């Protein structure tokens, strides 16, 4: 099962602020670009505990086009 199929599908009853999510994703992308933190195709390790913060980071990186295995 891929990351996309098990994490990115939000349950139907989850309420979230789409504007906040879009702003957060944009800030992550801007920070990565501004500081040259990641390059497309570069391998990185993201430690995912299953908590909200690590799951959000992995989700944002996936949405930004970074390959997730």
Protein backbone atom coordinates (compact mmCIF):
# COMPACT_ATOMS: atom_id res chain seq x y z
CA UNK A 1 0.00 0.00 0.00
CA UNK A 2 1.44 3.35 -0.97
CA UNK A 3 1.70 6.42 1.24
CA UNK A 4 -0.78 8.28 -0.93
CA UNK A 5 -3.47 5.63 -0.55
CA UNK A 6 -3.25 5.30 3.23
CA UNK A 7 -2.46 8.82 4.50
CA UNK A 8 -3.70 11.49 2.10
CA UNK A 9 -7.31 10.35 2.09
CA UNK A 10 -8.96 12.29 4.88
CA UNK A 11 -11.97 10.68 6.50
CA UNK A 12 -15.19 12.29 5.28
CA UNK A 13 -16.15 13.62 8.72
CA UNK A 14 -12.84 15.43 9.39
CA UNK A 15 -13.27 19.19 9.48
CA UNK A 16 -10.30 21.38 8.63
CA UNK A 17 -9.58 24.91 7.53
CA UNK A 18 -8.61 24.66 3.86
CA UNK A 19 -7.16 28.18 3.89
CA UNK A 20 -4.85 27.30 6.81
CA UNK A 21 -3.75 24.08 5.10
CA UNK A 22 -2.94 25.92 1.86
CA UNK A 23 -1.04 28.62 3.77
CA UNK A 24 0.93 26.03 5.74
CA UNK A 25 1.85 24.09 2.60
CA UNK A 26 2.97 27.31 0.89
CA UNK A 27 5.11 28.30 3.88
CA UNK A 28 6.80 24.89 3.90
CA UNK A 29 7.51 25.16 0.15
CA UNK A 30 8.84 28.72 0.53
CA UNK A 31 11.11 27.71 3.41
CA UNK A 32 12.51 24.72 1.51
CA UNK A 33 13.23 26.94 -1.49
CA UNK A 34 14.58 29.95 0.45
CA UNK A 35 17.11 27.90 2.42
CA UNK A 36 17.85 25.31 -0.28
CA UNK A 37 16.87 22.50 2.06
CA UNK A 38 15.79 19.88 -0.50
CA UNK A 39 16.25 19.15 -4.19
CA UNK A 40 13.80 17.15 -6.30
CA UNK A 41 15.07 13.57 -6.56
CA UNK A 42 17.13 13.89 -3.39
CA UNK A 43 16.65 11.10 -0.85
CA UNK A 44 15.70 12.14 2.67
CA UNK A 45 14.54 10.28 5.73
CA UNK A 46 11.43 11.44 7.58
CA UNK A 47 10.88 9.77 10.94
CA UNK A 48 7.13 9.29 11.24
CA UNK A 49 5.82 8.48 14.69
CA UNK A 50 2.21 8.55 13.56
CA UNK A 51 1.58 11.79 15.42
CA UNK A 52 0.04 14.88 13.85
CA UNK A 53 3.28 16.78 13.24
CA UNK A 54 5.29 14.05 11.52
CA UNK A 55 2.29 12.87 9.51
CA UNK A 56 1.62 16.46 8.38
CA UNK A 57 5.27 16.90 7.34
CA UNK A 58 5.23 13.70 5.30
CA UNK A 59 1.92 14.68 3.69
CA UNK A 60 3.19 18.15 2.73
CA UNK A 61 6.41 16.76 1.26
CA UNK A 62 4.39 14.32 -0.81
CA UNK A 63 2.09 17.10 -2.05
CA UNK A 64 5.16 19.16 -2.95
CA UNK A 65 6.20 16.39 -5.33
CA UNK A 66 8.88 14.66 -3.29
CA UNK A 67 8.85 10.91 -3.89
CA UNK A 68 7.66 8.92 -0.90
CA UNK A 69 8.54 5.26 -0.49
